[in-house]
Every structure is written in C-alpha cells, then in structure tokens.
Amino acid sequence: MTANPTISPTMKAVMAAVKLVSAEEIMPRYMKVAHQHKNDGSLCTEADLAAQEALTHKLQAILNVPLIGEEMSEEQQVAIWADGLQTVWCIDPIDGTSNFVRGLPYFAVSVALIRAGKSVLGVVYDPVTDEMFAAERGRGAFLNGDRLLGRTTATSLSGALANVDMKRLDGKLAARLAGNPPYCSQRNFGASTLDWCYTAAGRYDVYLHGGQKLWDYAAGSLVLLEAGGQMCSLDADDFAQGNVWQRSVIASLDAHLFDEWKSWLRAQQ
C-alpha cells in the first residue's frame, strides 16, 4: 500500500486493524465454517462473530466510542444508536456471508465512523483481491492508499452496466427492469459494501438497491461521495433523509448518468 500523507493516522490505524482481522479471523475460515440462519433469513458464521469481536476490541482501542455491529440483535443496535448518536463505530464483519460460505469471492469487511448521523470515515476491504477502499469526509477516496480515480465508460444510460438488487424492489419496478431495462447489462453479486465501491471506481455505471441497512451503506456511500459520485433514494433527493435502518439507493459516479437513471426510475413510480 502506498504511503499517502493525506490519509490521517486514524484512518491508517483502522485500515491496519481491518487487514489484520481479515488475515487472522476471516480468511483462515473461508469455505470452512458451518453457518446458521438468523431471524431475518440471512446467514451468520463463526467467522462473522469472531471478526466482529476482534474488530470491536481493535476499533475501540483506536477510539473508545460505542459500536454497532451487524451481528448484534436489533434491540442492541437501536439502543446503541440512540445512546451513541454523536459518535459511533458501525461495522459489518463480513458483508456477503452467503458468498463467503459458498466460496464466491465477492465479500468484504466494512467499517465506518459516524458523527452526528453522518459518516466521517469509511473503510471497505476485500480480502480476496486485497483491495482496500477508504474515504474520509473532505479528504477524498482512496484505493490501496492511492487516490481513487473512477472512470466512466458509458456515455448514456442505454449503454450502462447497472448493478441492481432486484429482490428488495417493488414488484412492478422489478418486473419492468427485468423485462425492459433502460441499461445495456445488469449485475448483482450480493455484497452491498463492495457495490458502492465498485460504483465509485466506475466498474458499475449506475447502482440501484431497494433497501439497505446502516452497515450496508455507512462506509461505501462515503467512498462514492468522496470519489465525486452522487446518490439519492427512490423517494428522496437527500440520501440522508428517511429511515436510517432501511434506505433505498440510486447512485452513479457520473452526474449525467445519475440524472438520467434517477429520472427513469422516478418515472416508474
């Protein structure tokens, strides 16, 4: 990773912690752990729990504030958010657990530091590709220590590669997207934190998700924002509005594509 003086000591410490936990708690268990279903139907493994515990210790050693983890109960998450709203860590120890269990190499560790309801630091690490996406509010976005310079390959929505999560969309909109999409091609691999970062890097031209949890968007949305991208929800131009625990996403790195994508989606409602 290239040394970069614009990356703060706190960010460097967080990136080091995430990389160490990935090496010690996550990758040794890749495709080797049993899993169980949580109440919401999602998967949880020993690796998720071990990584969350290790990250909690390391992050609170960097900054001793409350922490919300994806593997906590909903009651714990809501209580911590209410008590620690001024400053709180928010983590997803393994985003894409289903992929992790099945050996699909598309999952990530996500860490965000949130102050007064806004992410001020975000790290998303893919331990398979060793790609570390990071951002600090007002300081820019980075990939492996170098400034993230996203590229735009599509000049219009009709030529765009879209990342669309169909299962959380309204049935009418999902049917329209499946039957007569406005874009050229579509992907979704099941790890929202990486989806944000791939959009920031220009690997996806446009992005749509019907409903994300706080830990799904807290770090990745900051990476896209600091890379120069734009975002909103299906029903609000200000992405920060709405329910913090369930937020839809419309996003793109390119301003023109974002406007075209948002207009098309809003016209379907």
Protein backbone atom coordinates (compact mmCIF):
# COMPACT_ATOMS: atom_id res chain seq x y z
CA MET A 1 0.00 0.00 0.00
CA THR A 2 1.40 3.39 -0.99
CA ALA A 3 2.12 5.87 1.83
CA ASN A 4 -0.14 8.91 1.48
CA PRO A 5 0.20 11.96 3.74
CA THR A 6 -3.44 12.94 3.13
CA ILE A 7 -4.61 9.78 4.92
CA SER A 8 -4.95 10.51 8.63
CA PRO A 9 -3.32 8.45 11.40
CA THR A 10 -6.79 7.31 12.50
CA MET A 11 -7.57 6.03 9.02
CA LYS A 12 -4.22 4.25 8.81
CA ALA A 13 -4.90 2.57 12.15
CA VAL A 14 -8.38 1.45 11.02
CA MET A 15 -7.07 0.05 7.74
CA ALA A 16 -4.36 -1.87 9.58
CA ALA A 17 -6.90 -3.28 12.04
CA VAL A 18 -9.25 -4.39 9.27
CA LYS A 19 -6.46 -6.07 7.35
CA LEU A 20 -5.18 -7.89 10.44
CA VAL A 21 -8.63 -9.16 11.44
CA SER A 22 -9.23 -10.34 7.89
CA ALA A 23 -5.97 -12.30 7.92
CA GLU A 24 -6.44 -13.79 11.38
CA GLU A 25 -10.19 -14.36 11.72
CA ILE A 26 -11.79 -14.39 8.27
CA MET A 27 -9.64 -15.89 5.53
CA PRO A 28 -8.49 -18.96 7.54
CA ARG A 29 -12.21 -19.84 7.79
CA TYR A 30 -13.07 -19.18 4.14
CA MET A 31 -15.29 -22.03 2.86
CA LYS A 32 -14.53 -24.00 6.06
CA VAL A 33 -17.17 -22.90 8.57
CA ALA A 34 -20.70 -24.02 9.30
CA HIS A 35 -23.44 -21.44 9.13
CA GLN A 36 -26.81 -20.72 10.66
CA HIS A 37 -29.78 -18.60 9.68
CA LYS A 38 -30.71 -15.53 11.68
CA ASN A 39 -34.29 -14.36 12.26
CA ASP A 40 -34.23 -12.20 9.12
CA GLY A 41 -33.14 -15.17 6.98
CA SER A 42 -29.55 -14.01 6.49
CA LEU A 43 -26.56 -16.19 7.29
CA CYS A 44 -24.14 -15.97 10.20
CA THR A 45 -20.94 -17.94 10.72
CA GLU A 46 -18.25 -18.35 13.33
CA ALA A 47 -16.10 -16.11 11.16
CA ASP A 48 -18.67 -13.25 11.33
CA LEU A 49 -18.79 -13.47 15.12
CA ALA A 50 -15.04 -13.80 15.60
CA ALA A 51 -14.32 -10.92 13.23
CA GLN A 52 -16.90 -8.68 14.90
CA GLU A 53 -15.42 -9.36 18.33
CA ALA A 54 -11.86 -8.73 17.13
CA LEU A 55 -12.83 -5.55 15.29
CA THR A 56 -14.70 -4.26 18.32
CA HIS A 57 -11.58 -4.55 20.50
CA LYS A 58 -9.27 -3.01 17.91
CA LEU A 59 -11.52 -0.14 16.88
CA GLN A 60 -12.39 0.85 20.43
CA ALA A 61 -8.66 0.87 21.19
CA ILE A 62 -8.31 3.46 18.39
CA LEU A 63 -11.32 5.50 19.52
CA ASN A 64 -13.32 4.38 22.54
CA VAL A 65 -16.90 5.07 21.43
CA PRO A 66 -19.96 2.80 21.13
CA LEU A 67 -20.03 0.27 18.28
CA ILE A 68 -22.92 -1.09 16.23
CA GLY A 69 -22.23 -4.47 14.64
CA GLU A 70 -24.29 -6.26 12.02
CA GLU A 71 -24.28 -9.41 14.17
CA MET A 72 -25.86 -7.71 17.20
CA SER A 73 -29.55 -8.02 17.94
CA GLU A 74 -31.81 -5.35 16.54
CA GLU A 75 -32.61 -4.20 20.06
CA GLN A 76 -28.92 -3.71 20.83
CA GLN A 77 -28.34 -1.82 17.58
CA VAL A 78 -31.23 0.59 18.14
CA ALA A 79 -30.22 1.23 21.76
CA ILE A 80 -26.58 1.92 20.86
CA TRP A 81 -27.59 4.23 18.01
CA ALA A 82 -29.84 6.20 20.35
CA ASP A 83 -27.20 6.43 23.11
CA GLY A 84 -24.16 6.99 20.90
CA LEU A 85 -25.56 9.16 18.14
CA GLN A 86 -22.84 11.82 18.45
CA THR A 87 -20.04 9.34 17.61
CA VAL A 88 -20.32 5.62 16.90
CA TRP A 89 -18.48 2.90 15.01
CA CYS A 90 -20.59 0.87 12.57
CA ILE A 91 -19.27 -2.43 11.20
CA ASP A 92 -20.22 -5.36 9.05
CA PRO A 93 -17.59 -8.03 9.78
CA ILE A 94 -18.41 -9.95 6.60
CA ASP A 95 -20.74 -8.39 4.07
CA GLY A 96 -21.67 -11.18 1.66
CA THR A 97 -21.67 -14.09 4.13
CA SER A 98 -23.58 -16.29 1.69
CA ASN A 99 -20.78 -15.79 -0.85
CA PHE A 100 -18.17 -16.41 1.86
CA VAL A 101 -19.78 -19.73 2.82
CA ARG A 102 -20.14 -20.92 -0.78
CA GLY A 103 -16.70 -19.86 -1.98
CA LEU A 104 -17.85 -16.98 -4.17
CA PRO A 105 -15.04 -14.39 -3.98
CA TYR A 106 -17.21 -11.30 -3.52
CA PHE A 107 -17.40 -10.27 0.14
CA ALA A 108 -15.88 -7.55 2.28
CA VAL A 109 -15.25 -6.12 5.72
CA SER A 110 -16.85 -2.72 6.26
CA VAL A 111 -16.08 -0.14 8.97
CA ALA A 112 -17.49 3.37 9.32
CA LEU A 113 -17.11 6.09 11.92
CA ILE A 114 -20.29 8.12 12.22
CA ARG A 115 -20.60 11.53 13.89
CA ALA A 116 -23.94 13.30 14.36
CA GLY A 117 -25.57 10.84 11.96
CA LYS A 118 -23.02 11.30 9.13
CA SER A 119 -20.16 9.01 8.15
CA VAL A 120 -16.82 10.77 8.52
CA LEU A 121 -14.57 7.75 7.85
CA GLY A 122 -15.19 4.59 5.85
CA VAL A 123 -13.17 1.50 5.02
CA VAL A 124 -14.27 -1.41 2.82
CA TYR A 125 -11.75 -4.22 2.43
CA ASP A 126 -11.93 -7.14 0.01
CA PRO A 127 -9.54 -9.75 1.44
CA VAL A 128 -9.65 -11.91 -1.70
CA THR A 129 -8.36 -9.23 -4.06
CA ASP A 130 -6.55 -7.31 -1.30
CA GLU A 131 -8.36 -4.10 -2.32
CA MET A 132 -8.75 -1.53 0.44
CA PHE A 133 -11.25 1.21 -0.37
CA ALA A 134 -11.19 4.10 2.09
CA ALA A 135 -12.54 7.61 2.48
CA GLU A 136 -12.58 10.46 4.97
CA ARG A 137 -15.06 13.30 4.74
CA GLY A 138 -13.41 16.21 2.97
CA ARG A 139 -10.16 14.30 2.32
CA GLY A 140 -11.10 12.19 -0.70
CA ALA A 141 -11.43 8.49 -1.52
CA PHE A 142 -8.58 6.02 -1.90
CA LEU A 143 -7.87 2.54 -3.20
CA ASN A 144 -4.87 0.82 -1.61
CA GLY A 145 -3.54 4.18 -0.47
CA ASP A 146 -3.74 5.92 -3.84
CA ARG A 147 -6.45 8.43 -4.66
CA LEU A 148 -9.42 6.68 -6.22
CA LEU A 149 -9.85 7.90 -9.77
CA GLY A 150 -13.07 6.40 -11.07
CA ARG A 151 -13.58 6.04 -14.78
CA THR A 152 -16.75 6.49 -16.81
CA THR A 153 -17.19 4.12 -19.72
CA ALA A 154 -20.86 4.69 -20.62
CA THR A 155 -21.98 7.95 -22.21
CA SER A 156 -25.70 7.28 -21.78
CA LEU A 157 -27.97 5.06 -19.70
CA SER A 158 -28.69 2.84 -22.70
CA GLY A 159 -25.02 1.81 -22.75
CA ALA A 160 -24.60 1.48 -18.99
CA LEU A 161 -23.61 -1.52 -16.88
CA ALA A 162 -26.01 -1.44 -13.93
CA ASN A 163 -25.76 -3.04 -10.52
CA VAL A 164 -29.34 -3.80 -9.47
CA ASP A 165 -30.52 -5.79 -6.46
CA MET A 166 -33.93 -7.00 -7.66
CA LYS A 167 -35.19 -8.81 -4.55
CA ARG A 168 -35.80 -5.69 -2.43
CA LEU A 169 -37.54 -3.64 -5.11
CA ASP A 170 -41.23 -3.07 -5.60
CA GLY A 171 -42.60 -5.88 -7.78
CA LYS A 172 -43.76 -3.56 -10.55
CA LEU A 173 -40.39 -1.85 -10.83
CA ALA A 174 -38.51 -5.16 -10.68
CA ALA A 175 -40.66 -6.57 -13.47
CA ARG A 176 -40.04 -3.51 -15.64
CA LEU A 177 -36.29 -3.72 -15.06
CA ALA A 178 -36.27 -7.44 -15.85
CA GLY A 179 -38.47 -7.17 -18.93
CA ASN A 180 -37.49 -3.85 -20.49
CA PRO A 181 -34.47 -2.32 -18.77
CA PRO A 182 -33.13 1.09 -19.80
CA TYR A 183 -29.49 -0.04 -19.48
CA CYS A 184 -27.28 -2.33 -21.53
CA SER A 185 -26.44 -5.01 -18.95
CA GLN A 186 -27.00 -5.80 -15.28
CA ARG A 187 -25.08 -7.43 -12.41
CA ASN A 188 -25.52 -8.12 -8.69
CA PHE A 189 -23.18 -10.31 -6.67
CA GLY A 190 -24.57 -9.93 -3.16
CA ALA A 191 -22.27 -7.60 -1.21
CA SER A 192 -23.62 -4.06 -0.94
CA THR A 193 -20.47 -2.57 0.58
CA LEU A 194 -18.44 -3.62 -2.45
CA ASP A 195 -21.21 -2.50 -4.81
CA TRP A 196 -20.79 1.06 -3.53
CA CYS A 197 -17.03 0.94 -4.01
CA TYR A 198 -17.21 -0.62 -7.47
CA THR A 199 -19.61 2.17 -8.44
CA ALA A 200 -17.12 4.71 -7.06
CA ALA A 201 -14.40 3.11 -9.18
CA GLY A 202 -16.59 3.21 -12.31
CA ARG A 203 -16.77 -0.58 -12.57
CA TYR A 204 -20.55 -0.19 -12.44
CA ASP A 205 -22.06 2.81 -14.22
CA VAL A 206 -25.25 3.01 -12.17
CA TYR A 207 -26.47 1.38 -8.95
CA LEU A 208 -29.89 0.55 -7.51
CA HIS A 209 -30.83 -1.14 -4.25
CA GLY A 210 -34.30 -1.36 -2.74
CA GLY A 211 -33.35 -1.27 0.93
CA GLN A 212 -30.05 -1.28 2.81
CA LYS A 213 -29.22 -1.42 6.49
CA LEU A 214 -26.97 1.16 8.15
CA TRP A 215 -23.87 -1.06 7.91
CA ASP A 216 -24.54 -1.69 4.21
CA TYR A 217 -24.19 1.96 3.24
CA ALA A 218 -22.32 3.72 6.07
CA ALA A 219 -18.79 3.21 4.67
CA GLY A 220 -19.44 2.65 0.97
CA SER A 221 -21.62 5.71 0.46
CA LEU A 222 -18.81 7.88 1.83
CA VAL A 223 -16.35 6.28 -0.59
CA LEU A 224 -18.64 7.14 -3.51
CA LEU A 225 -19.32 10.65 -2.21
CA GLU A 226 -15.62 11.43 -1.77
CA ALA A 227 -14.87 9.98 -5.22
CA GLY A 228 -17.22 12.60 -6.68
CA GLY A 229 -20.28 10.42 -7.12
CA GLN A 230 -23.92 11.18 -6.44
CA MET A 231 -26.69 9.34 -4.64
CA CYS A 232 -30.29 9.62 -3.52
CA SER A 233 -33.08 7.26 -2.55
CA LEU A 234 -36.12 6.22 -4.53
CA ASP A 235 -38.30 8.72 -2.69
CA ALA A 236 -35.93 11.48 -1.56
CA ASP A 237 -33.27 13.58 -3.27
CA ASP A 238 -31.33 13.80 0.01
CA PHE A 239 -29.91 10.33 0.66
CA ALA A 240 -29.51 11.19 4.36
CA GLN A 241 -33.28 11.51 4.77
CA GLY A 242 -35.52 8.63 5.75
CA ASN A 243 -35.23 5.58 7.95
CA VAL A 244 -31.62 5.00 8.96
CA TRP A 245 -32.22 1.25 9.19
CA GLN A 246 -33.77 0.75 5.74
CA ARG A 247 -32.68 3.06 2.95
CA SER A 248 -33.07 2.61 -0.82
CA VAL A 249 -30.22 3.64 -3.13
CA ILE A 250 -29.92 5.30 -6.54
CA ALA A 251 -26.30 6.14 -7.36
CA SER A 252 -23.67 6.77 -10.01
CA LEU A 253 -20.18 8.21 -10.25
CA ASP A 254 -21.15 10.24 -13.33
CA ALA A 255 -23.51 13.21 -12.82
CA HIS A 256 -25.19 12.88 -16.23
CA LEU A 257 -25.83 9.16 -15.83
CA PHE A 258 -27.10 9.74 -12.30
CA ASP A 259 -29.68 12.28 -13.51
CA GLU A 260 -30.79 10.02 -16.37
CA TRP A 261 -31.01 6.96 -14.08
CA LYS A 262 -32.89 8.81 -11.34
CA SER A 263 -35.35 10.32 -13.83
CA TRP A 264 -36.11 6.95 -15.39
CA LEU A 265 -36.65 5.28 -12.00
CA ARG A 266 -38.82 8.07 -10.63
CA ALA A 267 -40.97 7.92 -13.77
CA GLN A 268 -41.83 4.29 -12.99
CA GLN A 269 -43.39 5.15 -9.62
